[in-house]
mmCIF file of all heavy atoms, coordinates in Angstrom:
data_MODEL
# 
_entry.id   MODEL 
# 
loop_
_atom_site.group_PDB 
_atom_site.id 
_atom_site.type_symbol 
_atom_site.label_atom_id 
_atom_site.label_alt_id 
_atom_site.label_comp_id 
_atom_site.label_asym_id 
_atom_site.label_entity_id 
_atom_site.label_seq_id 
_atom_site.pdbx_PDB_ins_code 
_atom_site.Cartn_x 
_atom_site.Cartn_y 
_atom_site.Cartn_z 
_atom_site.occupancy 
_atom_site.B_iso_or_equiv 
_atom_site.pdbx_formal_charge 
_atom_site.auth_seq_id 
_atom_site.auth_comp_id 
_atom_site.auth_asym_id 
_atom_site.auth_atom_id 
_atom_site.pdbx_PDB_model_num 
ATOM 1   N N   . ALA A 1 1  ? 28.957 114.733 76.100 1.00 0.00 ? 1  ALA A N   1 
ATOM 2   C CA  . ALA A 1 1  ? 29.360 113.759 75.083 1.00 0.00 ? 1  ALA A CA  1 
ATOM 3   C C   . ALA A 1 1  ? 28.709 114.157 73.781 1.00 0.00 ? 1  ALA A C   1 
ATOM 4   O O   . ALA A 1 1  ? 27.489 114.363 73.720 1.00 0.00 ? 1  ALA A O   1 
ATOM 5   C CB  . ALA A 1 1  ? 28.939 112.356 75.493 1.00 0.00 ? 1  ALA A CB  1 
ATOM 6   N N   . GLY A 1 2  ? 29.500 114.234 72.712 1.00 0.00 ? 2  GLY A N   1 
ATOM 7   C CA  . GLY A 1 2  ? 28.964 114.646 71.424 1.00 0.00 ? 2  GLY A CA  1 
ATOM 8   C C   . GLY A 1 2  ? 29.748 114.086 70.264 1.00 0.00 ? 2  GLY A C   1 
ATOM 9   O O   . GLY A 1 2  ? 30.253 114.820 69.435 1.00 0.00 ? 2  GLY A O   1 
ATOM 10  N N   . GLY A 1 3  ? 29.874 112.754 70.232 1.00 0.00 ? 3  GLY A N   1 
ATOM 11  C CA  . GLY A 1 3  ? 30.660 112.127 69.193 1.00 0.00 ? 3  GLY A CA  1 
ATOM 12  C C   . GLY A 1 3  ? 32.108 111.975 69.609 1.00 0.00 ? 3  GLY A C   1 
ATOM 13  O O   . GLY A 1 3  ? 32.419 111.925 70.805 1.00 0.00 ? 3  GLY A O   1 
ATOM 14  N N   . CYS A 1 4  ? 33.000 111.887 68.647 1.00 0.00 ? 4  CYS A N   1 
ATOM 15  C CA  . CYS A 1 4  ? 34.430 111.721 68.943 1.00 0.00 ? 4  CYS A CA  1 
ATOM 16  C C   . CYS A 1 4  ? 34.902 112.826 69.891 1.00 0.00 ? 4  CYS A C   1 
ATOM 17  O O   . CYS A 1 4  ? 34.683 114.005 69.643 1.00 0.00 ? 4  CYS A O   1 
ATOM 18  C CB  . CYS A 1 4  ? 35.231 111.772 67.652 1.00 0.00 ? 4  CYS A CB  1 
ATOM 19  S SG  . CYS A 1 4  ? 37.016 111.760 67.896 1.00 0.00 ? 4  CYS A SG  1 
ATOM 20  N N   . PHE A 1 5  ? 35.551 112.425 70.978 1.00 0.00 ? 5  PHE A N   1 
ATOM 21  C CA  . PHE A 1 5  ? 35.934 113.421 71.983 1.00 0.00 ? 5  PHE A CA  1 
ATOM 22  C C   . PHE A 1 5  ? 37.043 114.355 71.533 1.00 0.00 ? 5  PHE A C   1 
ATOM 23  O O   . PHE A 1 5  ? 37.261 115.400 72.133 1.00 0.00 ? 5  PHE A O   1 
ATOM 24  C CB  . PHE A 1 5  ? 36.268 112.791 73.331 1.00 0.00 ? 5  PHE A CB  1 
ATOM 25  C CG  . PHE A 1 5  ? 37.122 111.543 73.313 1.00 0.00 ? 5  PHE A CG  1 
ATOM 26  C CD1 . PHE A 1 5  ? 38.085 111.301 72.340 1.00 0.00 ? 5  PHE A CD1 1 
ATOM 27  C CD2 . PHE A 1 5  ? 36.964 110.600 74.317 1.00 0.00 ? 5  PHE A CD2 1 
ATOM 28  C CE1 . PHE A 1 5  ? 38.873 110.162 72.368 1.00 0.00 ? 5  PHE A CE1 1 
ATOM 29  C CE2 . PHE A 1 5  ? 37.733 109.438 74.357 1.00 0.00 ? 5  PHE A CE2 1 
ATOM 30  C CZ  . PHE A 1 5  ? 38.699 109.222 73.361 1.00 0.00 ? 5  PHE A CZ  1 
ATOM 31  N N   . TRP A 1 6  ? 37.751 114.024 70.467 1.00 0.00 ? 6  TRP A N   1 
ATOM 32  C CA  . TRP A 1 6  ? 38.820 114.914 69.993 1.00 0.00 ? 6  TRP A CA  1 
ATOM 33  C C   . TRP A 1 6  ? 38.284 116.321 69.688 1.00 0.00 ? 6  TRP A C   1 
ATOM 34  O O   . TRP A 1 6  ? 38.856 117.324 70.123 1.00 0.00 ? 6  TRP A O   1 
ATOM 35  C CB  . TRP A 1 6  ? 39.465 114.353 68.731 1.00 0.00 ? 6  TRP A CB  1 
ATOM 36  C CG  . TRP A 1 6  ? 40.179 113.047 68.888 1.00 0.00 ? 6  TRP A CG  1 
ATOM 37  C CD1 . TRP A 1 6  ? 40.627 112.488 70.050 1.00 0.00 ? 6  TRP A CD1 1 
ATOM 38  C CD2 . TRP A 1 6  ? 40.535 112.147 67.842 1.00 0.00 ? 6  TRP A CD2 1 
ATOM 39  N NE1 . TRP A 1 6  ? 41.233 111.276 69.783 1.00 0.00 ? 6  TRP A NE1 1 
ATOM 40  C CE2 . TRP A 1 6  ? 41.201 111.051 68.453 1.00 0.00 ? 6  TRP A CE2 1 
ATOM 41  C CE3 . TRP A 1 6  ? 40.359 112.159 66.467 1.00 0.00 ? 6  TRP A CE3 1 
ATOM 42  C CZ2 . TRP A 1 6  ? 41.676 109.974 67.701 1.00 0.00 ? 6  TRP A CZ2 1 
ATOM 43  C CZ3 . TRP A 1 6  ? 40.834 111.094 65.720 1.00 0.00 ? 6  TRP A CZ3 1 
ATOM 44  C CH2 . TRP A 1 6  ? 41.487 110.013 66.328 1.00 0.00 ? 6  TRP A CH2 1 
ATOM 45  N N   . GLY A 1 7  ? 37.194 116.389 68.932 1.00 0.00 ? 7  GLY A N   1 
ATOM 46  C CA  . GLY A 1 7  ? 36.661 117.682 68.535 1.00 0.00 ? 7  GLY A CA  1 
ATOM 47  C C   . GLY A 1 7  ? 35.959 118.408 69.667 1.00 0.00 ? 7  GLY A C   1 
ATOM 48  O O   . GLY A 1 7  ? 36.090 119.629 69.804 1.00 0.00 ? 7  GLY A O   1 
ATOM 49  N N   . VAL A 1 8  ? 35.217 117.667 70.483 1.00 0.00 ? 8  VAL A N   1 
ATOM 50  C CA  . VAL A 1 8  ? 34.515 118.304 71.612 1.00 0.00 ? 8  VAL A CA  1 
ATOM 51  C C   . VAL A 1 8  ? 35.520 118.889 72.593 1.00 0.00 ? 8  VAL A C   1 
ATOM 52  O O   . VAL A 1 8  ? 35.382 120.027 73.069 1.00 0.00 ? 8  VAL A O   1 
ATOM 53  C CB  . VAL A 1 8  ? 33.592 117.292 72.325 1.00 0.00 ? 8  VAL A CB  1 
ATOM 54  C CG1 . VAL A 1 8  ? 32.911 117.947 73.521 1.00 0.00 ? 8  VAL A CG1 1 
ATOM 55  C CG2 . VAL A 1 8  ? 32.546 116.744 71.346 1.00 0.00 ? 8  VAL A CG2 1 
ATOM 56  N N   . GLN A 1 9  ? 36.580 118.124 72.889 1.00 0.00 ? 9  GLN A N   1 
ATOM 57  C CA  . GLN A 1 9  ? 37.631 118.634 73.761 1.00 0.00 ? 9  GLN A CA  1 
ATOM 58  C C   . GLN A 1 9  ? 38.249 119.894 73.155 1.00 0.00 ? 9  GLN A C   1 
ATOM 59  O O   . GLN A 1 9  ? 38.457 120.901 73.849 1.00 0.00 ? 9  GLN A O   1 
ATOM 60  C CB  . GLN A 1 9  ? 38.713 117.585 73.975 1.00 0.00 ? 9  GLN A CB  1 
ATOM 61  C CG  . GLN A 1 9  ? 39.833 118.057 74.902 1.00 0.00 ? 9  GLN A CG  1 
ATOM 62  C CD  . GLN A 1 9  ? 41.050 117.135 74.911 1.00 0.00 ? 9  GLN A CD  1 
ATOM 63  O OE1 . GLN A 1 9  ? 41.506 116.688 73.867 1.00 0.00 ? 9  GLN A OE1 1 
ATOM 64  N NE2 . GLN A 1 9  ? 41.537 116.826 76.108 1.00 0.00 ? 9  GLN A NE2 1 
ATOM 65  N N   . GLY A 1 10 ? 38.546 119.838 71.850 1.00 0.00 ? 10 GLY A N   1 
ATOM 66  C CA  . GLY A 1 10 ? 39.165 120.984 71.195 1.00 0.00 ? 10 GLY A CA  1 
ATOM 67  C C   . GLY A 1 10 ? 38.340 122.236 71.283 1.00 0.00 ? 10 GLY A C   1 
ATOM 68  O O   . GLY A 1 10 ? 38.853 123.334 71.537 1.00 0.00 ? 10 GLY A O   1 
ATOM 69  N N   . VAL A 1 11 ? 37.021 122.112 71.078 1.00 0.00 ? 11 VAL A N   1 
ATOM 70  C CA  . VAL A 1 11 ? 36.141 123.277 71.160 1.00 0.00 ? 11 VAL A CA  1 
ATOM 71  C C   . VAL A 1 11 ? 36.226 123.926 72.537 1.00 0.00 ? 11 VAL A C   1 
ATOM 72  O O   . VAL A 1 11 ? 36.384 125.156 72.657 1.00 0.00 ? 11 VAL A O   1 
ATOM 73  C CB  . VAL A 1 11 ? 34.680 122.871 70.845 1.00 0.00 ? 11 VAL A CB  1 
ATOM 74  C CG1 . VAL A 1 11 ? 33.712 123.975 71.278 1.00 0.00 ? 11 VAL A CG1 1 
ATOM 75  C CG2 . VAL A 1 11 ? 34.503 122.569 69.365 1.00 0.00 ? 11 VAL A CG2 1 
ATOM 76  N N   . PHE A 1 12 ? 36.138 123.121 73.595 1.00 0.00 ? 12 PHE A N   1 
ATOM 77  C CA  . PHE A 1 12 ? 36.122 123.717 74.925 1.00 0.00 ? 12 PHE A CA  1 
ATOM 78  C C   . PHE A 1 12 ? 37.500 124.136 75.398 1.00 0.00 ? 12 PHE A C   1 
ATOM 79  O O   . PHE A 1 12 ? 37.625 124.990 76.282 1.00 0.00 ? 12 PHE A O   1 
ATOM 80  C CB  . PHE A 1 12 ? 35.425 122.767 75.897 1.00 0.00 ? 12 PHE A CB  1 
ATOM 81  C CG  . PHE A 1 12 ? 33.944 122.712 75.662 1.00 0.00 ? 12 PHE A CG  1 
ATOM 82  C CD1 . PHE A 1 12 ? 33.361 121.602 75.058 1.00 0.00 ? 12 PHE A CD1 1 
ATOM 83  C CD2 . PHE A 1 12 ? 33.139 123.780 75.979 1.00 0.00 ? 12 PHE A CD2 1 
ATOM 84  C CE1 . PHE A 1 12 ? 32.004 121.575 74.789 1.00 0.00 ? 12 PHE A CE1 1 
ATOM 85  C CE2 . PHE A 1 12 ? 31.779 123.767 75.721 1.00 0.00 ? 12 PHE A CE2 1 
ATOM 86  C CZ  . PHE A 1 12 ? 31.205 122.656 75.124 1.00 0.00 ? 12 PHE A CZ  1 
ATOM 87  N N   . GLN A 1 13 ? 38.552 123.605 74.803 1.00 0.00 ? 13 GLN A N   1 
ATOM 88  C CA  . GLN A 1 13 ? 39.896 124.104 75.103 1.00 0.00 ? 13 GLN A CA  1 
ATOM 89  C C   . GLN A 1 13 ? 40.108 125.492 74.524 1.00 0.00 ? 13 GLN A C   1 
ATOM 90  O O   . GLN A 1 13 ? 40.992 126.226 74.959 1.00 0.00 ? 13 GLN A O   1 
ATOM 91  C CB  . GLN A 1 13 ? 40.944 123.134 74.575 1.00 0.00 ? 13 GLN A CB  1 
ATOM 92  C CG  . GLN A 1 13 ? 41.025 121.846 75.395 1.00 0.00 ? 13 GLN A CG  1 
ATOM 93  C CD  . GLN A 1 13 ? 42.100 120.904 74.904 1.00 0.00 ? 13 GLN A CD  1 
ATOM 94  O OE1 . GLN A 1 13 ? 42.364 120.785 73.697 1.00 0.00 ? 13 GLN A OE1 1 
ATOM 95  N NE2 . GLN A 1 13 ? 42.752 120.210 75.825 1.00 0.00 ? 13 GLN A NE2 1 
ATOM 96  N N   . HIS A 1 14 ? 39.285 125.856 73.545 1.00 0.00 ? 14 HIS A N   1 
ATOM 97  C CA  . HIS A 1 14 ? 39.351 127.187 72.952 1.00 0.00 ? 14 HIS A CA  1 
ATOM 98  C C   . HIS A 1 14 ? 38.275 128.110 73.529 1.00 0.00 ? 14 HIS A C   1 
ATOM 99  O O   . HIS A 1 14 ? 38.018 129.190 72.978 1.00 0.00 ? 14 HIS A O   1 
ATOM 100 C CB  . HIS A 1 14 ? 39.193 127.110 71.436 1.00 0.00 ? 14 HIS A CB  1 
ATOM 101 C CG  . HIS A 1 14 ? 40.444 126.727 70.708 1.00 0.00 ? 14 HIS A CG  1 
ATOM 102 N ND1 . HIS A 1 14 ? 41.428 127.631 70.376 1.00 0.00 ? 14 HIS A ND1 1 
ATOM 103 C CD2 . HIS A 1 14 ? 40.877 125.512 70.272 1.00 0.00 ? 14 HIS A CD2 1 
ATOM 104 C CE1 . HIS A 1 14 ? 42.411 127.013 69.745 1.00 0.00 ? 14 HIS A CE1 1 
ATOM 105 N NE2 . HIS A 1 14 ? 42.105 125.722 69.659 1.00 0.00 ? 14 HIS A NE2 1 
ATOM 106 N N   . THR A 1 15 ? 37.637 127.706 74.608 1.00 0.00 ? 15 THR A N   1 
ATOM 107 C CA  . THR A 1 15 ? 36.561 128.501 75.216 1.00 0.00 ? 15 THR A CA  1 
ATOM 108 C C   . THR A 1 15 ? 37.067 129.234 76.461 1.00 0.00 ? 15 THR A C   1 
ATOM 109 O O   . THR A 1 15 ? 37.611 128.608 77.383 1.00 0.00 ? 15 THR A O   1 
ATOM 110 C CB  . THR A 1 15 ? 35.374 127.600 75.594 1.00 0.00 ? 15 THR A CB  1 
ATOM 111 O OG1 . THR A 1 15 ? 34.861 126.950 74.412 1.00 0.00 ? 15 THR A OG1 1 
ATOM 112 C CG2 . THR A 1 15 ? 34.266 128.409 76.232 1.00 0.00 ? 15 THR A CG2 1 
ATOM 113 N N   . ALA A 1 16 ? 36.906 130.526 76.512 1.00 0.00 ? 16 ALA A N   1 
ATOM 114 C CA  . ALA A 1 16 ? 37.351 131.326 77.649 1.00 0.00 ? 16 ALA A CA  1 
ATOM 115 C C   . ALA A 1 16 ? 36.609 130.902 78.913 1.00 0.00 ? 16 ALA A C   1 
ATOM 116 O O   . ALA A 1 16 ? 35.408 130.642 78.880 1.00 0.00 ? 16 ALA A O   1 
ATOM 117 C CB  . ALA A 1 16 ? 37.103 132.800 77.373 1.00 0.00 ? 16 ALA A CB  1 
ATOM 118 N N   . GLY A 1 17 ? 37.345 130.830 80.007 1.00 0.00 ? 17 GLY A N   1 
ATOM 119 C CA  . GLY A 1 17 ? 36.762 130.432 81.275 1.00 0.00 ? 17 GLY A CA  1 
ATOM 120 C C   . GLY A 1 17 ? 36.937 128.971 81.587 1.00 0.00 ? 17 GLY A C   1 
ATOM 121 O O   . GLY A 1 17 ? 36.756 128.549 82.737 1.00 0.00 ? 17 GLY A O   1 
ATOM 122 N N   . VAL A 1 18 ? 37.267 128.158 80.585 1.00 0.00 ? 18 VAL A N   1 
ATOM 123 C CA  . VAL A 1 18 ? 37.541 126.726 80.802 1.00 0.00 ? 18 VAL A CA  1 
ATOM 124 C C   . VAL A 1 18 ? 38.996 126.568 81.227 1.00 0.00 ? 18 VAL A C   1 
ATOM 125 O O   . VAL A 1 18 ? 39.905 127.014 80.521 1.00 0.00 ? 18 VAL A O   1 
ATOM 126 C CB  . VAL A 1 18 ? 37.258 125.911 79.522 1.00 0.00 ? 18 VAL A CB  1 
ATOM 127 C CG1 . VAL A 1 18 ? 37.731 124.466 79.693 1.00 0.00 ? 18 VAL A CG1 1 
ATOM 128 C CG2 . VAL A 1 18 ? 35.778 125.962 79.187 1.00 0.00 ? 18 VAL A CG2 1 
ATOM 129 N N   . VAL A 1 19 ? 39.201 125.966 82.369 1.00 0.00 ? 19 VAL A N   1 
ATOM 130 C CA  . VAL A 1 19 ? 40.568 125.800 82.886 1.00 0.00 ? 19 VAL A CA  1 
ATOM 131 C C   . VAL A 1 19 ? 41.135 124.427 82.580 1.00 0.00 ? 19 VAL A C   1 
ATOM 132 O O   . VAL A 1 19 ? 42.338 124.213 82.695 1.00 0.00 ? 19 VAL A O   1 
ATOM 133 C CB  . VAL A 1 19 ? 40.640 126.089 84.398 1.00 0.00 ? 19 VAL A CB  1 
ATOM 134 C CG1 . VAL A 1 19 ? 40.192 127.506 84.701 1.00 0.00 ? 19 VAL A CG1 1 
ATOM 135 C CG2 . VAL A 1 19 ? 39.798 125.093 85.184 1.00 0.00 ? 19 VAL A CG2 1 
ATOM 136 N N   . ASN A 1 20 ? 40.275 123.482 82.194 1.00 0.00 ? 20 ASN A N   1 
ATOM 137 C CA  . ASN A 1 20 ? 40.741 122.161 81.767 1.00 0.00 ? 20 ASN A CA  1 
ATOM 138 C C   . ASN A 1 20 ? 39.590 121.437 81.082 1.00 0.00 ? 20 ASN A C   1 
ATOM 139 O O   . ASN A 1 20 ? 38.447 121.545 81.513 1.00 0.00 ? 20 ASN A O   1 
ATOM 140 C CB  . ASN A 1 20 ? 41.254 121.346 82.939 1.00 0.00 ? 20 ASN A CB  1 
ATOM 141 C CG  . ASN A 1 20 ? 42.181 120.210 82.512 1.00 0.00 ? 20 ASN A CG  1 
ATOM 142 O OD1 . ASN A 1 20 ? 42.658 120.182 81.367 1.00 0.00 ? 20 ASN A OD1 1 
ATOM 143 N ND2 . ASN A 1 20 ? 42.459 119.294 83.409 1.00 0.00 ? 20 ASN A ND2 1 
ATOM 144 N N   . ALA A 1 21 ? 39.885 120.718 80.027 1.00 0.00 ? 21 ALA A N   1 
ATOM 145 C CA  . ALA A 1 21 ? 38.901 119.893 79.330 1.00 0.00 ? 21 ALA A CA  1 
ATOM 146 C C   . ALA A 1 21 ? 39.590 118.565 79.008 1.00 0.00 ? 21 ALA A C   1 
ATOM 147 O O   . ALA A 1 21 ? 40.558 118.533 78.258 1.00 0.00 ? 21 ALA A O   1 
ATOM 148 C CB  . ALA A 1 21 ? 38.412 120.572 78.052 1.00 0.00 ? 21 ALA A CB  1 
ATOM 149 N N   . VAL A 1 22 ? 39.080 117.495 79.588 1.00 0.00 ? 22 VAL A N   1 
ATOM 150 C CA  . VAL A 1 22 ? 39.730 116.195 79.503 1.00 0.00 ? 22 VAL A CA  1 
ATOM 151 C C   . VAL A 1 22 ? 38.848 115.211 78.746 1.00 0.00 ? 22 VAL A C   1 
ATOM 152 O O   . VAL A 1 22 ? 37.664 115.053 79.041 1.00 0.00 ? 22 VAL A O   1 
ATOM 153 C CB  . VAL A 1 22 ? 40.015 115.628 80.919 1.00 0.00 ? 22 VAL A CB  1 
ATOM 154 C CG1 . VAL A 1 22 ? 40.640 114.231 80.845 1.00 0.00 ? 22 VAL A CG1 1 
ATOM 155 C CG2 . VAL A 1 22 ? 40.927 116.576 81.688 1.00 0.00 ? 22 VAL A CG2 1 
ATOM 156 N N   . SER A 1 23 ? 39.418 114.545 77.751 1.00 0.00 ? 23 SER A N   1 
ATOM 157 C CA  . SER A 1 23 ? 38.699 113.506 77.027 1.00 0.00 ? 23 SER A CA  1 
ATOM 158 C C   . SER A 1 23 ? 38.618 112.244 77.885 1.00 0.00 ? 23 SER A C   1 
ATOM 159 O O   . SER A 1 23 ? 39.586 111.906 78.589 1.00 0.00 ? 23 SER A O   1 
ATOM 160 C CB  . SER A 1 23 ? 39.421 113.167 75.707 1.00 0.00 ? 23 SER A CB  1 
ATOM 161 O OG  . SER A 1 23 ? 39.302 114.216 74.781 1.00 0.00 ? 23 SER A OG  1 
ATOM 162 N N   . GLY A 1 24 ? 37.487 111.539 77.807 1.00 0.00 ? 24 GLY A N   1 
ATOM 163 C CA  . GLY A 1 24 ? 37.354 110.332 78.615 1.00 0.00 ? 24 GLY A CA  1 
ATOM 164 C C   . GLY A 1 24 ? 36.062 109.594 78.313 1.00 0.00 ? 24 GLY A C   1 
ATOM 165 O O   . GLY A 1 24 ? 35.483 109.717 77.225 1.00 0.00 ? 24 GLY A O   1 
# 
C-alpha cells in the first residue's frame, strides 16, 4: 500500500515478472 492504488498498480503492471496486479 502506497497511497492511491491507481499509481501503485500501474507501476507494477509495467514490471517484468508480474503476472497480475490488482487494486483493492
